[in-house]
Each structure stands twice: as C-alpha cells, then as structure tokens.
Amino acid sequence: LNFQFQWNPSLMTYAQVATGFKGGGVSPRPFSPGQARPFNPEELTSYEVGVKSDLFDRRLRLNVAGFFSDYTDMQISLSSCPQFGVGLPCALLTNAGEAEMKGIEVETVYRPIDNLSIDASFNYIDFEYTYIDPAAGTGGPQYGMYPTNLPRSKWSIGAQYEFSVGHIGSITPRVDVSRQADSFAGVRNGPTNLIPAYTLANARVTWRSPENTWEAALEALNITDEYYYVTRFDQFTLSGVSDAQVGRPREYAFTLKRRF
C-alpha cells in the first residue's frame, strides 16, 4: 500500500507498507535423521517513508528514505545443532526467532556546472534480534549479532567531467570510491567468519566520437590494490579451517564500442 504526494514539480514525498514471505519446507541437508526437520515460512512487514526531489533548477537530485522492517520466524542455517542429533556437522535450516531492522538511505546527483557530475550514496542499517528461539542453540544467532552478509553501513562517491575536444569528440575522466563496513559470513558472528571493512577505488577515461557512434575507454579497477574478502565459509569449529574468497586485485581494461 503506497501513498504519495507531489508538492510541486521538484518535490515528492511518499509512505508505503508492504508484506512478504519466504516459503517453508524441510531442511535440505541433514547429516543425521534428527536433522531432517521442517521449518515454517519467514514473514516480513516493512514500512518506508521518503522524499524525492530535483532542486536548484534540477542541478541537484536528492532522494532520502527511512525504513523499518519487522521479521518473524526468521530462517537461519545453524552451524551446530547437538539438540537435533549429531552436533557437527550441521547445516540445519530453522526458524530462529524474530528481528527488527531500521535504517536510512540517501542518494544524490549534483551538477554544479555544465559537464560536471558528482554522485553519492549512503545507507545505514540497525539490526536487532528481538527474540531468539532456544532451539537455535549455540550454533545459532545471539543477541547483538547481525545476519550474514549485512554490513552496518555502505557509501560511495563518484565524479566525472566531460571535456569537448572539437571535431575529435569528447573525453570524460571519472573516479569512483566506495566503502563497505564489517560484515559476517556466519549467523553466529565471530573472527573466523568476519569480512573486514574495505574501500575500493576505480578510475576510467572515456572517449566518444562527435556522432557518438564510436566509444573507447581505458579503466583501472581497484587502483589501490586493496586485499579484501568477498565471502567466507567458516568451518573452524569442525575442522579448524575458515575459507575465504578474495576480491579481484588491481586490473586494467580497454574497451572499444561501435554503435550502428
């Protein structure tokens, strides 16, 4: 259900409420008969209010949204489940409890002068378990922990300027920087499933022909050669090993396009 009001051509506000669910079933990977257990659907009710605006003769676009989400019967994959037969290994999917999530998102594009564009975004999420089923045991989430792959905050900023070079066409240099806060790859947060915060920077120079039929670009990705993890698979409790997928290193690329 959504309500919105257009105050003037430059400003619109809205409020909405939505519901959703993730279907239930039977845990798909039991390591013992006792782990072949059913789980219920996960349900969500979310609320959001926001503002969308184009200001200063449409040179500044600013969108802001705040949201609140209420989860019930959250589906969590446990890493240890001695209460249901064999404690280790375990990948039991169960309804671990209830949680609330609230946050804010901001995105903007600013064009202070012709040919110059600056864009940025920021989001912050505050997550809290309000109830944890005792059946989740020691292998499940604990109060104060965050779900998997959910950083508390993320931001990015980028800028570009298009230079006209007459009959040759145009050249546009661009720089982007983004940062992601700490996150965890396990529902029971710990140092062996931590994905540390990281910052990435990219640069690109693009040439376009006057008719915009040809385009060539030279880019450098992860220009600081940041060493970071994309995902982790925590097996430390079982085998003393925690695997991680490392992000891509510094890379260079050249692309050429022809439009017909």
Protein backbone atom coordinates (compact mmCIF):
# COMPACT_ATOMS: atom_id res chain seq x y z
CA LEU A 1 0.00 0.00 0.00
CA ASN A 2 1.55 3.28 -1.14
CA PHE A 3 0.63 6.95 -0.71
CA GLN A 4 2.50 9.74 -2.44
CA PHE A 5 2.02 13.48 -2.82
CA GLN A 6 3.59 15.76 -5.41
CA TRP A 7 4.05 19.07 -3.58
CA ASN A 8 5.42 20.81 -6.67
CA PRO A 9 7.32 19.78 -9.82
CA SER A 10 10.52 19.48 -7.76
CA LEU A 11 9.37 17.69 -4.61
CA MET A 12 7.50 14.43 -3.92
CA THR A 13 7.00 12.57 -0.65
CA TYR A 14 5.69 9.05 -0.11
CA ALA A 15 4.85 6.45 2.53
CA GLN A 16 4.29 2.75 2.00
CA VAL A 17 3.77 -0.54 3.80
CA ALA A 18 4.43 -3.98 2.32
CA THR A 19 4.37 -7.60 3.40
CA GLY A 20 6.27 -10.61 2.13
CA PHE A 21 7.28 -14.13 2.98
CA LYS A 22 9.90 -16.77 2.27
CA GLY A 23 8.39 -20.23 1.88
CA GLY A 24 8.85 -23.02 4.40
CA GLY A 25 9.94 -26.60 3.79
CA VAL A 26 12.20 -29.32 5.13
CA SER A 27 15.86 -28.73 5.92
CA PRO A 28 17.58 -29.78 2.65
CA ARG A 29 20.90 -31.02 4.03
CA PRO A 30 20.51 -33.24 7.10
CA PHE A 31 23.63 -35.01 8.36
CA SER A 32 21.56 -37.27 10.62
CA PRO A 33 17.89 -38.36 10.74
CA GLY A 34 17.25 -35.94 13.60
CA GLN A 35 18.26 -33.00 11.40
CA ALA A 36 15.59 -33.77 8.77
CA ARG A 37 13.21 -31.25 10.28
CA PRO A 38 10.55 -28.93 8.78
CA PHE A 39 10.70 -25.15 9.04
CA ASN A 40 7.96 -22.53 8.70
CA PRO A 41 7.75 -19.59 6.28
CA GLU A 42 9.64 -16.45 7.19
CA GLU A 43 7.39 -13.38 7.22
CA LEU A 44 8.15 -9.68 6.89
CA THR A 45 6.23 -6.43 7.27
CA SER A 46 8.10 -3.34 6.10
CA TYR A 47 7.37 0.39 6.38
CA GLU A 48 9.06 3.16 4.42
CA VAL A 49 8.81 6.94 4.13
CA GLY A 50 10.83 9.06 1.77
CA VAL A 51 11.43 12.24 -0.21
CA LYS A 52 12.40 12.55 -3.87
CA SER A 53 13.49 15.95 -5.10
CA ASP A 54 15.06 17.84 -8.00
CA LEU A 55 16.36 21.18 -6.69
CA PHE A 56 18.17 24.30 -7.87
CA ASP A 57 16.85 24.24 -11.42
CA ARG A 58 17.29 20.44 -11.50
CA ARG A 59 21.02 20.65 -10.80
CA LEU A 60 20.69 18.69 -7.54
CA ARG A 61 18.75 15.45 -7.23
CA LEU A 62 18.35 14.32 -3.62
CA ASN A 63 16.43 11.22 -2.53
CA VAL A 64 16.12 10.20 1.12
CA ALA A 65 14.29 7.18 2.57
CA GLY A 66 13.85 5.80 6.05
CA PHE A 67 12.58 2.27 6.65
CA PHE A 68 11.57 -0.15 9.37
CA SER A 69 11.21 -3.92 8.87
CA ASP A 70 9.67 -6.45 11.25
CA TYR A 71 10.72 -10.09 10.75
CA THR A 72 9.03 -13.14 12.27
CA ASP A 73 10.12 -16.78 12.05
CA MET A 74 13.49 -15.87 10.52
CA GLN A 75 15.05 -18.76 8.59
CA ILE A 76 18.62 -19.31 9.77
CA SER A 77 21.11 -22.06 8.85
CA LEU A 78 22.70 -23.37 12.06
CA SER A 79 26.38 -24.34 12.24
CA SER A 80 25.91 -26.60 15.27
CA CYS A 81 22.79 -28.49 16.39
CA PRO A 82 23.51 -31.13 19.09
CA GLN A 83 19.89 -30.81 20.25
CA PHE A 84 18.76 -32.49 17.00
CA GLY A 85 21.12 -35.47 16.84
CA VAL A 86 24.66 -35.01 15.60
CA GLY A 87 26.03 -31.64 16.68
CA LEU A 88 28.69 -31.42 13.96
CA PRO A 89 28.47 -31.19 11.07
CA CYS A 90 25.25 -29.20 10.84
CA ALA A 91 23.53 -27.10 8.17
CA LEU A 92 20.04 -27.21 9.66
CA LEU A 93 17.64 -24.57 8.40
CA THR A 94 15.32 -23.49 11.20
CA ASN A 95 13.11 -20.60 12.31
CA ALA A 96 15.47 -18.91 14.73
CA GLY A 97 13.30 -16.09 16.04
CA GLU A 98 12.23 -12.51 15.39
CA ALA A 99 14.06 -9.32 14.50
CA GLU A 100 13.68 -5.65 13.67
CA MET A 101 15.68 -3.68 11.13
CA LYS A 102 15.64 0.06 10.63
CA GLY A 103 17.78 2.35 8.58
CA ILE A 104 18.21 5.21 6.18
CA GLU A 105 19.25 5.53 2.54
CA VAL A 106 20.46 8.70 0.82
CA GLU A 107 21.37 9.14 -2.82
CA THR A 108 22.24 12.31 -4.70
CA VAL A 109 23.44 13.58 -8.07
CA TYR A 110 24.85 17.11 -8.26
CA ARG A 111 25.65 19.02 -11.47
CA PRO A 112 27.05 22.36 -10.25
CA ILE A 113 28.21 23.36 -13.74
CA ASP A 114 27.70 22.02 -17.22
CA ASN A 115 29.56 18.78 -17.99
CA LEU A 116 30.48 18.13 -14.31
CA SER A 117 28.55 15.45 -12.44
CA ILE A 118 29.03 14.26 -8.83
CA ASP A 119 27.03 11.34 -7.45
CA ALA A 120 26.99 9.81 -4.00
CA SER A 121 25.03 7.33 -1.90
CA PHE A 122 24.94 6.25 1.75
CA ASN A 123 22.97 3.69 3.71
CA TYR A 124 22.94 2.67 7.34
CA ILE A 125 21.18 -0.35 8.87
CA ASP A 126 20.48 -1.00 12.54
CA PHE A 127 19.55 -4.66 13.04
CA GLU A 128 18.38 -6.24 16.29
CA TYR A 129 17.15 -9.70 17.25
CA THR A 130 14.09 -9.20 19.47
CA TYR A 131 13.60 -12.91 20.17
CA ILE A 132 15.78 -15.98 19.60
CA ASP A 133 14.27 -19.44 19.83
CA PRO A 134 16.18 -21.51 22.42
CA ALA A 135 16.06 -24.36 19.88
CA ALA A 136 18.63 -22.43 17.83
CA GLY A 137 21.16 -23.46 20.47
CA THR A 138 24.79 -22.44 20.48
CA GLY A 139 25.11 -22.80 16.71
CA GLY A 140 22.53 -20.09 16.01
CA PRO A 141 22.48 -16.31 16.31
CA GLN A 142 22.87 -14.50 19.62
CA TYR A 143 21.53 -11.15 20.76
CA GLY A 144 23.57 -8.25 19.39
CA MET A 145 24.67 -10.16 16.27
CA TYR A 146 23.93 -9.31 12.63
CA PRO A 147 22.67 -11.72 9.94
CA THR A 148 25.05 -12.94 7.25
CA ASN A 149 26.43 -10.56 4.62
CA LEU A 150 24.74 -7.47 6.10
CA PRO A 151 27.21 -4.59 6.63
CA ARG A 152 26.10 -1.89 9.04
CA SER A 153 26.88 0.85 6.52
CA LYS A 154 27.96 1.44 2.92
CA TRP A 155 28.79 4.56 0.97
CA SER A 156 30.06 5.55 -2.45
CA ILE A 157 31.01 8.73 -4.29
CA GLY A 158 31.95 9.38 -7.89
CA ALA A 159 32.71 12.35 -10.13
CA GLN A 160 33.20 12.91 -13.84
CA TYR A 161 33.77 15.82 -16.24
CA GLU A 162 33.21 15.78 -19.97
CA PHE A 163 35.78 17.78 -21.95
CA SER A 164 34.89 18.78 -25.50
CA VAL A 165 37.77 18.38 -27.95
CA GLY A 166 36.06 19.84 -31.01
CA HIS A 167 35.82 17.71 -34.12
CA ILE A 168 37.59 14.85 -32.29
CA GLY A 169 34.64 14.35 -29.92
CA SER A 170 34.78 14.36 -26.10
CA ILE A 171 36.93 12.92 -23.32
CA THR A 172 35.40 12.08 -19.93
CA PRO A 173 37.57 11.12 -16.95
CA ARG A 174 35.74 9.55 -13.97
CA VAL A 175 36.75 8.44 -10.46
CA ASP A 176 34.69 6.28 -8.05
CA VAL A 177 35.34 5.38 -4.41
CA SER A 178 33.20 3.05 -2.29
CA ARG A 179 33.42 1.62 1.21
CA GLN A 180 31.67 -1.24 2.97
CA ALA A 181 31.70 -1.76 6.74
CA ASP A 182 32.43 -5.06 8.51
CA SER A 183 30.07 -7.95 7.88
CA PHE A 184 29.92 -11.62 8.85
CA ALA A 185 29.51 -14.79 6.79
CA GLY A 186 28.09 -16.81 9.71
CA VAL A 187 24.90 -16.30 11.70
CA ARG A 188 26.96 -16.74 14.87
CA ASN A 189 29.30 -13.80 14.31
CA GLY A 190 32.95 -14.41 15.10
CA PRO A 191 36.50 -13.66 13.96
CA THR A 192 36.62 -16.77 11.76
CA ASN A 193 33.68 -15.59 9.61
CA LEU A 194 34.41 -11.85 9.70
CA ILE A 195 34.59 -10.00 6.38
CA PRO A 196 36.58 -6.86 7.34
CA ALA A 197 35.61 -3.44 6.01
CA TYR A 198 37.25 -2.39 2.77
CA THR A 199 37.48 0.58 0.41
CA LEU A 200 37.70 0.31 -3.38
CA ALA A 201 38.65 2.97 -5.91
CA ASN A 202 38.24 2.86 -9.69
CA ALA A 203 39.24 5.26 -12.48
CA ARG A 204 38.11 5.48 -16.10
CA VAL A 205 38.74 7.70 -19.13
CA THR A 206 36.24 7.53 -21.99
CA TRP A 207 36.47 8.99 -25.50
CA ARG A 208 33.35 9.42 -27.63
CA SER A 209 33.22 10.43 -31.28
CA PRO A 210 31.23 13.56 -32.29
CA GLU A 211 28.35 11.44 -33.62
CA ASN A 212 28.52 9.17 -30.55
CA THR A 213 28.96 6.15 -32.82
CA TRP A 214 32.42 5.21 -31.52
CA GLU A 215 33.48 4.90 -27.91
CA ALA A 216 36.79 3.85 -26.36
CA ALA A 217 37.57 3.57 -22.67
CA LEU A 218 40.63 2.84 -20.54
CA GLU A 219 39.96 1.91 -16.92
CA ALA A 220 41.74 0.78 -13.80
CA LEU A 221 39.79 -1.19 -11.19
CA ASN A 222 40.82 -1.43 -7.52
CA ILE A 223 43.59 1.06 -8.20
CA THR A 224 44.94 0.82 -4.64
CA ASP A 225 45.20 -2.98 -4.99
CA GLU A 226 43.09 -3.48 -1.85
CA TYR A 227 43.20 -7.00 -0.40
CA TYR A 228 39.68 -7.90 0.72
CA TYR A 229 37.27 -10.80 1.12
CA VAL A 230 34.05 -11.20 -0.87
CA THR A 231 32.69 -14.23 1.02
CA ARG A 232 33.83 -16.67 3.71
CA PHE A 233 32.93 -20.26 4.54
CA ASP A 234 33.55 -20.87 8.23
CA GLN A 235 34.46 -24.48 9.08
CA PHE A 236 36.68 -23.59 12.03
CA THR A 237 34.61 -25.35 14.68
CA LEU A 238 34.54 -28.56 12.65
CA SER A 239 37.96 -28.68 11.00
CA GLY A 240 39.96 -25.69 12.24
CA VAL A 241 39.75 -24.07 8.79
CA SER A 242 37.99 -20.94 7.57
CA ASP A 243 37.93 -20.45 3.79
CA ALA A 244 37.57 -17.08 2.07
CA GLN A 245 37.08 -15.85 -1.48
CA VAL A 246 39.48 -12.99 -2.11
CA GLY A 247 38.31 -9.99 -4.14
CA ARG A 248 39.80 -9.12 -7.51
CA PRO A 249 43.19 -7.34 -7.44
CA ARG A 250 44.15 -4.25 -9.40
CA GLU A 251 43.08 -4.69 -13.03
CA TYR A 252 43.33 -2.70 -16.24
CA ALA A 253 40.94 -2.86 -19.17
CA PHE A 254 40.46 -1.29 -22.58
CA THR A 255 37.11 -1.43 -24.38
CA LEU A 256 36.04 -0.30 -27.83
CA LYS A 257 32.40 0.09 -28.93
CA ARG A 258 30.71 0.85 -32.26
CA ARG A 259 27.02 1.83 -32.38
CA PHE A 260 25.01 1.20 -35.55
